[in-house]
Amino acid sequence: MFSTRLLMTCAAIGVGSGIVFTVAGFINGIVAAAAPIVYGLSIGVYFLPGVIAQSLLRLPGVALITSLIAGLVGSAVNPAFIMRYLAAGLAIGLLQEVPFAISRYRYWKPWVFYVAAAVMGVIFGGGVFIGVGMEHFAGWANFVYFGLFAVSPVLFTWLGRVIAAGINKTGVARGVQRDVDRRESRHTRHRHSVRSMTAA
């Protein structure tokens, strides 16, 4: 169950990120028209709410909750793009849950965030690259376009973790967040195993 405090924290992150979504949406429109080759940098902004929530709270479901709230806020301000905001929030929020679900949400080391962001960036970049087609730009420009889609999530993941670290210093998540590594050590597992065999 999600506590009221946890949900309020997720909502605050989601609302703040939703405002960023809105500003980014207007900027992206200008960039798409003036310098489309760097449009790939925009995809990373959709990773912010999930990264901030996961880095700060280290709990299951927080990436999905904050991403959806951010999408709702963005679409409320700019309803013409409601499906884009909601689809991006849902898709990226779900993808951000996957690498941590594998460890049953017990392992939150920084490298997992960056590897996951890089993989997701390549997936998104590859999809856009295929959808747009090689003929969209000439030669090397195609690789710049694709590369920015791959790099952007990593850059925004770093930014999200910096923001989360700043929020963490305020103490607002104290008592709600979990440890970075909650896996049992090999020694602890062995001790539990011995105790179980002795009891049997």
N, C-alpha and C. Protein backbone atom coordinates (compact mmCIF):
# COMPACT_ATOMS: atom_id res chain seq x y z
N MET A 1 0.84 -1.20 0.00
CA MET A 1 0.00 0.00 0.00
C MET A 1 0.88 1.26 0.00
N PHE A 2 0.41 2.28 -0.68
CA PHE A 2 1.12 3.55 -0.71
C PHE A 2 0.57 4.45 0.39
N SER A 3 1.47 4.97 1.22
CA SER A 3 1.04 5.87 2.28
C SER A 3 0.67 7.23 1.69
N THR A 4 -0.08 8.00 2.46
CA THR A 4 -0.46 9.35 2.01
C THR A 4 0.77 10.21 1.78
N ARG A 5 1.74 10.08 2.65
CA ARG A 5 2.97 10.86 2.52
C ARG A 5 3.72 10.51 1.25
N LEU A 6 3.78 9.22 0.96
CA LEU A 6 4.46 8.77 -0.26
C LEU A 6 3.75 9.30 -1.50
N LEU A 7 2.43 9.19 -1.51
CA LEU A 7 1.66 9.67 -2.66
C LEU A 7 1.80 11.18 -2.83
N MET A 8 1.84 11.90 -1.72
CA MET A 8 2.02 13.35 -1.80
C MET A 8 3.39 13.71 -2.36
N THR A 9 4.40 12.93 -1.98
CA THR A 9 5.75 13.16 -2.50
C THR A 9 5.79 12.90 -4.00
N CYS A 10 5.18 11.80 -4.41
CA CYS A 10 5.11 11.47 -5.85
C CYS A 10 4.34 12.55 -6.61
N ALA A 11 3.25 13.03 -6.01
CA ALA A 11 2.45 14.06 -6.66
C ALA A 11 3.25 15.35 -6.84
N ALA A 12 4.02 15.72 -5.81
CA ALA A 12 4.83 16.94 -5.89
C ALA A 12 5.87 16.82 -7.01
N ILE A 13 6.52 15.66 -7.08
CA ILE A 13 7.51 15.43 -8.14
C ILE A 13 6.83 15.45 -9.50
N GLY A 14 5.66 14.79 -9.58
CA GLY A 14 4.94 14.72 -10.84
C GLY A 14 4.48 16.08 -11.33
N VAL A 15 3.96 16.90 -10.42
CA VAL A 15 3.49 18.23 -10.80
C VAL A 15 4.66 19.09 -11.28
N GLY A 16 5.75 19.06 -10.52
CA GLY A 16 6.93 19.83 -10.92
C GLY A 16 7.45 19.40 -12.28
N SER A 17 7.49 18.09 -12.50
CA SER A 17 7.96 17.57 -13.79
C SER A 17 6.98 17.90 -14.90
N GLY A 18 5.68 17.89 -14.58
CA GLY A 18 4.67 18.22 -15.58
C GLY A 18 4.83 19.64 -16.10
N ILE A 19 5.19 20.55 -15.20
CA ILE A 19 5.45 21.93 -15.63
C ILE A 19 6.65 21.97 -16.56
N VAL A 20 7.67 21.17 -16.23
CA VAL A 20 8.85 21.07 -17.11
C VAL A 20 8.44 20.50 -18.46
N PHE A 21 7.56 19.49 -18.46
CA PHE A 21 7.05 18.91 -19.71
C PHE A 21 6.43 20.00 -20.58
N THR A 22 5.64 20.85 -19.95
CA THR A 22 4.92 21.89 -20.69
C THR A 22 5.89 22.87 -21.34
N VAL A 23 6.86 23.33 -20.56
CA VAL A 23 7.86 24.26 -21.10
C VAL A 23 8.66 23.58 -22.22
N ALA A 24 9.05 22.33 -21.96
CA ALA A 24 9.82 21.59 -22.97
C ALA A 24 9.01 21.39 -24.24
N GLY A 25 7.69 21.19 -24.10
CA GLY A 25 6.85 20.99 -25.27
C GLY A 25 6.87 22.19 -26.20
N PHE A 26 6.79 23.39 -25.63
CA PHE A 26 6.84 24.60 -26.44
C PHE A 26 8.21 24.78 -27.09
N ILE A 27 9.26 24.49 -26.31
CA ILE A 27 10.62 24.63 -26.84
C ILE A 27 10.86 23.61 -27.95
N ASN A 28 10.34 22.39 -27.76
CA ASN A 28 10.53 21.34 -28.76
C ASN A 28 9.92 21.71 -30.10
N GLY A 29 8.77 22.39 -30.03
CA GLY A 29 8.14 22.82 -31.28
C GLY A 29 9.03 23.77 -32.06
N ILE A 30 9.68 24.66 -31.34
CA ILE A 30 10.59 25.62 -31.99
C ILE A 30 11.81 24.90 -32.54
N VAL A 31 12.36 23.97 -31.73
CA VAL A 31 13.55 23.22 -32.14
C VAL A 31 13.25 22.36 -33.37
N ALA A 32 12.07 21.71 -33.36
CA ALA A 32 11.70 20.84 -34.48
C ALA A 32 11.65 21.61 -35.79
N ALA A 33 11.25 22.88 -35.70
CA ALA A 33 11.15 23.70 -36.91
C ALA A 33 12.48 24.32 -37.30
N ALA A 34 13.27 24.73 -36.28
CA ALA A 34 14.51 25.46 -36.57
C ALA A 34 15.73 24.57 -36.71
N ALA A 35 15.81 23.53 -35.87
CA ALA A 35 17.00 22.66 -35.88
C ALA A 35 16.58 21.22 -35.60
N PRO A 36 15.87 20.59 -36.52
CA PRO A 36 15.32 19.25 -36.27
C PRO A 36 16.36 18.18 -35.95
N ILE A 37 17.60 18.40 -36.34
CA ILE A 37 18.62 17.38 -36.11
C ILE A 37 18.88 17.16 -34.61
N VAL A 38 18.61 18.18 -33.78
CA VAL A 38 18.86 18.04 -32.34
C VAL A 38 17.57 17.75 -31.56
N TYR A 39 16.51 17.42 -32.28
CA TYR A 39 15.23 17.16 -31.61
C TYR A 39 15.33 15.98 -30.64
N GLY A 40 16.25 15.07 -30.90
CA GLY A 40 16.40 13.89 -30.04
C GLY A 40 16.70 14.23 -28.60
N LEU A 41 17.26 15.41 -28.35
CA LEU A 41 17.55 15.80 -26.98
C LEU A 41 16.29 15.91 -26.14
N SER A 42 15.15 16.09 -26.79
CA SER A 42 13.90 16.32 -26.06
C SER A 42 13.38 15.08 -25.35
N ILE A 43 13.70 13.89 -25.83
CA ILE A 43 13.13 12.67 -25.25
C ILE A 43 13.52 12.48 -23.79
N GLY A 44 14.71 12.97 -23.43
CA GLY A 44 15.21 12.76 -22.07
C GLY A 44 14.37 13.40 -20.99
N VAL A 45 13.69 14.50 -21.32
CA VAL A 45 12.91 15.21 -20.31
C VAL A 45 11.81 14.32 -19.73
N TYR A 46 11.32 13.37 -20.51
CA TYR A 46 10.26 12.48 -20.03
C TYR A 46 10.76 11.44 -19.02
N PHE A 47 12.07 11.35 -18.86
CA PHE A 47 12.65 10.43 -17.88
C PHE A 47 12.76 11.08 -16.49
N LEU A 48 12.66 12.40 -16.44
CA LEU A 48 12.90 13.11 -15.18
C LEU A 48 12.02 12.68 -14.01
N PRO A 49 10.69 12.66 -14.14
CA PRO A 49 9.88 12.35 -12.95
C PRO A 49 10.18 10.97 -12.37
N GLY A 50 10.32 9.97 -13.25
CA GLY A 50 10.61 8.62 -12.76
C GLY A 50 11.96 8.51 -12.09
N VAL A 51 12.97 9.14 -12.69
CA VAL A 51 14.33 9.09 -12.12
C VAL A 51 14.38 9.78 -10.77
N ILE A 52 13.75 10.95 -10.68
CA ILE A 52 13.76 11.68 -9.41
C ILE A 52 13.07 10.85 -8.32
N ALA A 53 11.90 10.31 -8.64
CA ALA A 53 11.14 9.54 -7.65
C ALA A 53 11.89 8.27 -7.24
N GLN A 54 12.44 7.56 -8.21
CA GLN A 54 13.15 6.31 -7.89
C GLN A 54 14.43 6.57 -7.12
N SER A 55 15.17 7.61 -7.50
CA SER A 55 16.42 7.92 -6.81
C SER A 55 16.17 8.36 -5.38
N LEU A 56 15.08 9.08 -5.18
CA LEU A 56 14.76 9.61 -3.85
C LEU A 56 14.11 8.58 -2.95
N LEU A 57 13.14 7.84 -3.48
CA LEU A 57 12.30 6.97 -2.65
C LEU A 57 12.70 5.51 -2.66
N ARG A 58 13.18 5.04 -3.81
CA ARG A 58 13.60 3.63 -3.96
C ARG A 58 12.49 2.66 -3.55
N LEU A 59 11.33 2.85 -4.18
CA LEU A 59 10.16 2.03 -3.91
C LEU A 59 9.50 1.62 -5.21
N PRO A 60 8.83 0.47 -5.24
CA PRO A 60 8.15 0.03 -6.46
C PRO A 60 6.98 0.93 -6.84
N GLY A 61 6.83 1.16 -8.13
CA GLY A 61 5.69 1.89 -8.64
C GLY A 61 5.83 3.40 -8.69
N VAL A 62 6.85 3.96 -8.04
CA VAL A 62 6.93 5.42 -7.96
C VAL A 62 7.24 6.07 -9.31
N ALA A 63 7.99 5.38 -10.16
CA ALA A 63 8.29 5.94 -11.49
C ALA A 63 7.01 6.05 -12.31
N LEU A 64 6.19 5.02 -12.26
CA LEU A 64 4.94 5.02 -13.03
C LEU A 64 3.98 6.09 -12.51
N ILE A 65 3.85 6.19 -11.20
CA ILE A 65 2.93 7.17 -10.61
C ILE A 65 3.33 8.60 -10.97
N THR A 66 4.61 8.92 -10.75
CA THR A 66 5.06 10.29 -11.00
C THR A 66 5.02 10.63 -12.49
N SER A 67 5.34 9.66 -13.34
CA SER A 67 5.33 9.91 -14.78
C SER A 67 3.91 10.18 -15.28
N LEU A 68 2.95 9.42 -14.77
CA LEU A 68 1.56 9.63 -15.17
C LEU A 68 1.03 10.98 -14.67
N ILE A 69 1.39 11.34 -13.44
CA ILE A 69 0.97 12.65 -12.91
C ILE A 69 1.58 13.77 -13.75
N ALA A 70 2.85 13.62 -14.08
CA ALA A 70 3.52 14.63 -14.91
C ALA A 70 2.84 14.74 -16.28
N GLY A 71 2.46 13.60 -16.84
CA GLY A 71 1.76 13.60 -18.12
C GLY A 71 0.41 14.28 -18.03
N LEU A 72 -0.30 14.05 -16.93
CA LEU A 72 -1.61 14.69 -16.74
C LEU A 72 -1.47 16.20 -16.60
N VAL A 73 -0.45 16.64 -15.86
CA VAL A 73 -0.23 18.08 -15.69
C VAL A 73 0.13 18.71 -17.02
N GLY A 74 1.04 18.06 -17.77
CA GLY A 74 1.43 18.58 -19.06
C GLY A 74 0.26 18.68 -20.02
N SER A 75 -0.58 17.67 -20.03
CA SER A 75 -1.72 17.66 -20.94
C SER A 75 -2.80 18.64 -20.52
N ALA A 76 -2.89 18.92 -19.21
CA ALA A 76 -3.87 19.89 -18.73
C ALA A 76 -3.52 21.30 -19.21
N VAL A 77 -2.23 21.59 -19.25
CA VAL A 77 -1.78 22.90 -19.71
C VAL A 77 -1.81 22.99 -21.23
N ASN A 78 -1.52 21.86 -21.87
CA ASN A 78 -1.45 21.83 -23.33
C ASN A 78 -2.28 20.66 -23.85
N PRO A 79 -3.61 20.73 -23.78
CA PRO A 79 -4.49 19.61 -24.10
C PRO A 79 -4.38 19.09 -25.53
N ALA A 80 -3.82 19.87 -26.42
CA ALA A 80 -3.67 19.41 -27.80
C ALA A 80 -2.74 18.22 -27.90
N PHE A 81 -1.87 18.06 -26.89
CA PHE A 81 -0.89 16.97 -26.91
C PHE A 81 -1.14 15.97 -25.78
N ILE A 82 -2.40 15.84 -25.37
CA ILE A 82 -2.73 14.98 -24.24
C ILE A 82 -2.27 13.53 -24.44
N MET A 83 -2.48 12.99 -25.64
CA MET A 83 -2.10 11.60 -25.87
C MET A 83 -0.59 11.42 -25.87
N ARG A 84 0.13 12.42 -26.37
CA ARG A 84 1.59 12.31 -26.38
C ARG A 84 2.13 12.31 -24.96
N TYR A 85 1.62 13.21 -24.13
CA TYR A 85 2.08 13.30 -22.74
C TYR A 85 1.75 12.03 -21.96
N LEU A 86 0.51 11.57 -22.09
CA LEU A 86 0.10 10.39 -21.33
C LEU A 86 0.81 9.13 -21.82
N ALA A 87 0.94 8.99 -23.14
CA ALA A 87 1.62 7.81 -23.69
C ALA A 87 3.08 7.79 -23.28
N ALA A 88 3.73 8.94 -23.33
CA ALA A 88 5.14 9.02 -22.94
C ALA A 88 5.30 8.71 -21.45
N GLY A 89 4.41 9.28 -20.63
CA GLY A 89 4.48 9.02 -19.20
C GLY A 89 4.27 7.56 -18.85
N LEU A 90 3.29 6.95 -19.49
CA LEU A 90 3.00 5.54 -19.22
C LEU A 90 4.13 4.64 -19.71
N ALA A 91 4.57 4.84 -20.94
CA ALA A 91 5.59 3.97 -21.53
C ALA A 91 6.91 4.07 -20.79
N ILE A 92 7.37 5.30 -20.55
CA ILE A 92 8.67 5.47 -19.90
C ILE A 92 8.59 5.09 -18.43
N GLY A 93 7.49 5.43 -17.76
CA GLY A 93 7.33 5.04 -16.37
C GLY A 93 7.38 3.53 -16.19
N LEU A 94 6.71 2.80 -17.07
CA LEU A 94 6.73 1.33 -17.00
C LEU A 94 8.12 0.79 -17.27
N LEU A 95 8.79 1.32 -18.29
CA LEU A 95 10.14 0.86 -18.62
C LEU A 95 11.12 1.12 -17.47
N GLN A 96 10.94 2.23 -16.79
CA GLN A 96 11.83 2.55 -15.68
C GLN A 96 11.63 1.60 -14.49
N GLU A 97 10.48 0.99 -14.40
CA GLU A 97 10.23 0.04 -13.31
C GLU A 97 10.94 -1.29 -13.54
N VAL A 98 11.12 -1.66 -14.81
CA VAL A 98 11.61 -3.00 -15.15
C VAL A 98 12.95 -3.36 -14.52
N PRO A 99 14.03 -2.56 -14.69
CA PRO A 99 15.33 -2.99 -14.16
C PRO A 99 15.34 -3.18 -12.65
N PHE A 100 14.50 -2.45 -11.94
CA PHE A 100 14.47 -2.56 -10.49
C PHE A 100 13.52 -3.68 -10.04
N ALA A 101 12.53 -3.96 -10.86
CA ALA A 101 11.64 -5.09 -10.56
C ALA A 101 12.42 -6.40 -10.65
N ILE A 102 13.42 -6.45 -11.52
CA ILE A 102 14.24 -7.67 -11.67
C ILE A 102 14.90 -8.03 -10.34
N SER A 103 15.33 -7.02 -9.59
CA SER A 103 15.96 -7.27 -8.28
C SER A 103 14.94 -7.21 -7.15
N ARG A 104 13.65 -7.25 -7.52
CA ARG A 104 12.56 -7.14 -6.56
C ARG A 104 12.66 -5.86 -5.75
N TYR A 105 13.09 -4.81 -6.42
CA TYR A 105 13.19 -3.47 -5.85
C TYR A 105 14.07 -3.43 -4.60
N ARG A 106 15.16 -4.19 -4.65
CA ARG A 106 16.08 -4.20 -3.51
C ARG A 106 17.45 -3.64 -3.84
N TYR A 107 17.66 -3.25 -5.09
CA TYR A 107 18.99 -2.81 -5.51
C TYR A 107 18.85 -1.55 -6.36
N TRP A 108 19.40 -0.44 -5.86
CA TRP A 108 19.20 0.87 -6.48
C TRP A 108 20.51 1.61 -6.73
N LYS A 109 21.55 0.89 -7.07
CA LYS A 109 22.86 1.51 -7.32
C LYS A 109 22.79 2.41 -8.56
N PRO A 110 23.60 3.47 -8.60
CA PRO A 110 23.55 4.42 -9.73
C PRO A 110 23.74 3.79 -11.10
N TRP A 111 24.61 2.78 -11.20
CA TRP A 111 24.90 2.22 -12.52
C TRP A 111 23.66 1.61 -13.17
N VAL A 112 22.74 1.11 -12.35
CA VAL A 112 21.51 0.53 -12.90
C VAL A 112 20.69 1.62 -13.60
N PHE A 113 20.61 2.79 -12.99
CA PHE A 113 19.88 3.90 -13.59
C PHE A 113 20.47 4.26 -14.96
N TYR A 114 21.79 4.36 -15.02
CA TYR A 114 22.43 4.81 -16.26
C TYR A 114 22.39 3.76 -17.36
N VAL A 115 22.61 2.51 -17.00
CA VAL A 115 22.52 1.45 -18.01
C VAL A 115 21.10 1.35 -18.55
N ALA A 116 20.12 1.40 -17.65
CA ALA A 116 18.72 1.32 -18.08
C ALA A 116 18.37 2.50 -18.99
N ALA A 117 18.84 3.70 -18.64
CA ALA A 117 18.56 4.88 -19.46
C ALA A 117 19.19 4.75 -20.84
N ALA A 118 20.42 4.24 -20.88
CA ALA A 118 21.10 4.07 -22.16
C ALA A 118 20.36 3.07 -23.05
N VAL A 119 19.94 1.95 -22.47
CA VAL A 119 19.21 0.93 -23.22
C VAL A 119 17.89 1.49 -23.74
N MET A 120 17.16 2.17 -22.86
CA MET A 120 15.88 2.75 -23.28
C MET A 120 16.07 3.81 -24.35
N GLY A 121 17.15 4.58 -24.23
CA GLY A 121 17.43 5.60 -25.23
C GLY A 121 17.70 5.00 -26.59
N VAL A 122 18.45 3.91 -26.60
CA VAL A 122 18.73 3.21 -27.87
C VAL A 122 17.44 2.65 -28.47
N ILE A 123 16.57 2.10 -27.62
CA ILE A 123 15.30 1.56 -28.10
C ILE A 123 14.44 2.67 -28.72
N PHE A 124 14.30 3.78 -27.99
CA PHE A 124 13.52 4.90 -28.51
C PHE A 124 14.16 5.47 -29.77
N GLY A 125 15.47 5.65 -29.72
CA GLY A 125 16.17 6.20 -30.88
C GLY A 125 16.04 5.30 -32.09
N GLY A 126 16.16 3.99 -31.86
CA GLY A 126 16.02 3.05 -32.97
C GLY A 126 14.64 3.09 -33.58
N GLY A 127 13.61 3.19 -32.71
CA GLY A 127 12.24 3.26 -33.21
C GLY A 127 12.00 4.50 -34.04
N VAL A 128 12.51 5.63 -33.55
CA VAL A 128 12.36 6.89 -34.29
C VAL A 128 13.15 6.85 -35.59
N PHE A 129 14.35 6.29 -35.51
CA PHE A 129 15.23 6.21 -36.68
C PHE A 129 14.57 5.39 -37.79
N ILE A 130 13.95 4.27 -37.39
CA ILE A 130 13.26 3.42 -38.37
C ILE A 130 12.01 4.12 -38.89
N GLY A 131 11.29 4.78 -37.97
CA GLY A 131 10.06 5.45 -38.37
C GLY A 131 10.29 6.61 -39.32
N VAL A 132 11.34 7.38 -39.03
CA VAL A 132 11.65 8.55 -39.86
C VAL A 132 12.28 8.14 -41.17
N GLY A 133 13.17 7.13 -41.09
CA GLY A 133 13.82 6.65 -42.31
C GLY A 133 15.19 7.27 -42.51
N MET A 134 16.08 6.51 -43.11
CA MET A 134 17.44 6.96 -43.34
C MET A 134 17.50 8.20 -44.23
N GLU A 135 16.48 8.39 -45.05
CA GLU A 135 16.51 9.49 -46.00
C GLU A 135 16.13 10.84 -45.36
N HIS A 136 15.76 10.81 -44.07
CA HIS A 136 15.32 12.04 -43.42
C HIS A 136 16.43 13.09 -43.40
N PHE A 137 17.64 12.66 -43.11
CA PHE A 137 18.80 13.53 -43.15
C PHE A 137 19.85 12.92 -44.06
N ALA A 138 20.86 13.70 -44.37
CA ALA A 138 21.92 13.20 -45.24
C ALA A 138 23.09 12.66 -44.43
N GLY A 139 23.54 11.46 -44.76
CA GLY A 139 24.76 10.88 -44.23
C GLY A 139 24.92 10.95 -42.73
N TRP A 140 25.99 11.65 -42.28
CA TRP A 140 26.35 11.70 -40.87
C TRP A 140 25.24 12.28 -40.01
N ALA A 141 24.40 13.14 -40.57
CA ALA A 141 23.34 13.78 -39.80
C ALA A 141 22.36 12.76 -39.23
N ASN A 142 22.16 11.64 -39.94
CA ASN A 142 21.29 10.58 -39.44
C ASN A 142 21.81 10.02 -38.12
N PHE A 143 23.12 9.87 -38.04
CA PHE A 143 23.72 9.27 -36.84
C PHE A 143 23.71 10.27 -35.68
N VAL A 144 23.84 11.56 -35.99
CA VAL A 144 23.72 12.58 -34.95
C VAL A 144 22.30 12.57 -34.40
N TYR A 145 21.33 12.53 -35.31
CA TYR A 145 19.91 12.52 -34.93
C TYR A 145 19.61 11.32 -34.03
N PHE A 146 20.03 10.14 -34.46
CA PHE A 146 19.80 8.92 -33.69
C PHE A 146 20.58 8.95 -32.38
N GLY A 147 21.83 9.39 -32.44
CA GLY A 147 22.68 9.40 -31.25
C GLY A 147 22.13 10.26 -30.14
N LEU A 148 21.52 11.39 -30.48
CA LEU A 148 20.96 12.27 -29.45
C LEU A 148 19.78 11.62 -28.74
N PHE A 149 19.00 10.82 -29.46
CA PHE A 149 17.91 10.08 -28.82
C PHE A 149 18.47 9.08 -27.82
N ALA A 150 19.64 8.53 -28.11
CA ALA A 150 20.25 7.55 -27.22
C ALA A 150 20.93 8.20 -26.02
N VAL A 151 21.54 9.37 -26.24
CA VAL A 151 22.30 10.05 -25.19
C VAL A 151 21.41 10.84 -24.24
N SER A 152 20.36 11.44 -24.77
CA SER A 152 19.51 12.33 -23.98
C SER A 152 18.97 11.70 -22.69
N PRO A 153 18.44 10.46 -22.71
CA PRO A 153 17.95 9.86 -21.47
C PRO A 153 19.03 9.73 -20.40
N VAL A 154 20.26 9.47 -20.82
CA VAL A 154 21.36 9.35 -19.86
C VAL A 154 21.64 10.70 -19.21
N LEU A 155 21.66 11.76 -20.02
CA LEU A 155 21.91 13.10 -19.49
C LEU A 155 20.81 13.52 -18.51
N PHE A 156 19.56 13.25 -18.87
CA PHE A 156 18.46 13.63 -17.99
C PHE A 156 18.37 12.73 -16.75
N THR A 157 18.88 11.50 -16.88
CA THR A 157 18.96 10.63 -15.71
C THR A 157 19.96 11.20 -14.71
N TRP A 158 21.09 11.67 -15.22
CA TRP A 158 22.07 12.32 -14.34
C TRP A 158 21.45 13.54 -13.67
N LEU A 159 20.75 14.37 -14.45
CA LEU A 159 20.12 15.57 -13.91
C LEU A 159 19.07 15.21 -12.86
N GLY A 160 18.27 14.19 -13.15
CA GLY A 160 17.25 13.74 -12.20
C GLY A 160 17.84 13.27 -10.89
N ARG A 161 18.97 12.59 -10.96
CA ARG A 161 19.63 12.09 -9.74
C ARG A 161 20.22 13.25 -8.94
N VAL A 162 20.70 14.27 -9.64
CA VAL A 162 21.21 15.46 -8.95
C VAL A 162 20.07 16.17 -8.22
N ILE A 163 18.93 16.30 -8.89
CA ILE A 163 17.76 16.93 -8.27
C ILE A 163 17.29 16.11 -7.06
N ALA A 164 17.26 14.79 -7.22
CA ALA A 164 16.83 13.92 -6.11
C ALA A 164 17.76 14.05 -4.92
N ALA A 165 19.06 14.16 -5.19
CA ALA A 165 20.03 14.31 -4.10
C ALA A 165 19.79 15.62 -3.35
N GLY A 166 19.45 16.68 -4.10
CA GLY A 166 19.15 17.95 -3.46
C GLY A 166 17.91 17.87 -2.60
N ILE A 167 16.87 17.21 -3.12
CA ILE A 167 15.63 17.04 -2.35
C ILE A 167 15.89 16.21 -1.11
N ASN A 168 16.72 15.19 -1.25
CA ASN A 168 17.01 14.29 -0.14
C ASN A 168 17.64 15.03 1.04
N LYS A 169 18.43 16.05 0.73
CA LYS A 169 19.11 16.81 1.79
C LYS A 169 18.12 17.58 2.66
N THR A 170 16.93 17.84 2.12
CA THR A 170 15.92 18.55 2.90
C THR A 170 15.26 17.64 3.94
N GLY A 171 15.40 16.33 3.75
CA GLY A 171 14.83 15.38 4.70
C GLY A 171 13.37 15.04 4.46
N VAL A 172 12.80 15.51 3.35
CA VAL A 172 11.36 15.28 3.12
C VAL A 172 11.02 13.80 2.92
N ALA A 173 12.01 13.02 2.49
CA ALA A 173 11.73 11.61 2.22
C ALA A 173 12.14 10.70 3.37
N ARG A 174 12.63 11.29 4.43
CA ARG A 174 13.08 10.48 5.56
C ARG A 174 11.91 9.72 6.16
N GLY A 175 12.10 8.43 6.36
CA GLY A 175 11.04 7.59 6.91
C GLY A 175 10.17 6.95 5.84
N VAL A 176 10.31 7.42 4.61
CA VAL A 176 9.54 6.84 3.51
C VAL A 176 10.44 6.04 2.58
N GLN A 177 11.62 6.59 2.31
CA GLN A 177 12.53 5.94 1.36
C GLN A 177 13.17 4.69 1.94
N ARG A 178 13.61 3.84 1.05
CA ARG A 178 14.29 2.60 1.44
C ARG A 178 15.78 2.69 1.13
N ASP A 179 16.54 1.72 1.65
CA ASP A 179 17.98 1.71 1.45
C ASP A 179 18.33 1.45 -0.01
N VAL A 180 19.54 1.85 -0.38
CA VAL A 180 20.02 1.66 -1.75
C VAL A 180 20.18 0.18 -2.07
N ASP A 181 20.66 -0.59 -1.11
CA ASP A 181 20.87 -2.02 -1.33
C ASP A 181 20.28 -2.79 -0.16
N ARG A 182 19.17 -3.47 -0.40
CA ARG A 182 18.50 -4.23 0.66
C ARG A 182 18.62 -5.74 0.47
N ARG A 183 19.53 -6.13 -0.42
CA ARG A 183 19.73 -7.56 -0.62
C ARG A 183 20.45 -8.15 0.59
N GLU A 184 20.14 -9.38 0.90
CA GLU A 184 20.85 -10.05 1.97
C GLU A 184 22.27 -10.37 1.51
N SER A 185 23.22 -10.18 2.40
CA SER A 185 24.60 -10.52 2.06
C SER A 185 24.75 -12.03 1.99
N ARG A 186 25.81 -12.47 1.34
CA ARG A 186 26.06 -13.91 1.23
C ARG A 186 26.20 -14.53 2.61
N HIS A 187 26.86 -13.82 3.53
CA HIS A 187 27.05 -14.32 4.89
C HIS A 187 25.71 -14.47 5.60
N THR A 188 24.84 -13.46 5.43
CA THR A 188 23.52 -13.51 6.07
C THR A 188 22.69 -14.66 5.54
N ARG A 189 22.73 -14.86 4.19
CA ARG A 189 21.97 -15.97 3.60
C ARG A 189 22.47 -17.31 4.11
N HIS A 190 23.81 -17.43 4.25
CA HIS A 190 24.38 -18.68 4.74
C HIS A 190 23.94 -18.94 6.17
N ARG A 191 23.94 -17.88 6.99
CA ARG A 191 23.54 -18.02 8.39
C ARG A 191 22.09 -18.44 8.50
N HIS A 192 21.22 -17.84 7.67
CA HIS A 192 19.81 -18.22 7.66
C HIS A 192 19.63 -19.67 7.24
N SER A 193 20.44 -20.08 6.25
CA SER A 193 20.36 -21.46 5.76
C SER A 193 20.75 -22.44 6.84
N VAL A 194 21.81 -22.12 7.58
CA VAL A 194 22.27 -23.00 8.67
C VAL A 194 21.20 -23.10 9.74
N ARG A 195 20.60 -21.96 10.07
CA ARG A 195 19.55 -21.97 11.10
C ARG A 195 18.37 -22.81 10.67
N SER A 196 18.01 -22.73 9.38
CA SER A 196 16.88 -23.50 8.88
C SER A 196 17.16 -25.00 8.95
N MET A 197 18.37 -25.38 8.61
CA MET A 197 18.73 -26.80 8.65
C MET A 197 18.78 -27.30 10.07
N THR A 198 19.25 -26.43 11.00
CA THR A 198 19.32 -26.81 12.42
C THR A 198 17.92 -26.99 12.98
N ALA A 199 17.02 -26.09 12.60
CA ALA A 199 15.65 -26.17 13.10
C ALA A 199 14.95 -27.41 12.57
N ALA A 200 15.32 -27.79 11.33
CA ALA A 200 14.68 -28.97 10.75
C ALA A 200 15.16 -30.23 11.44
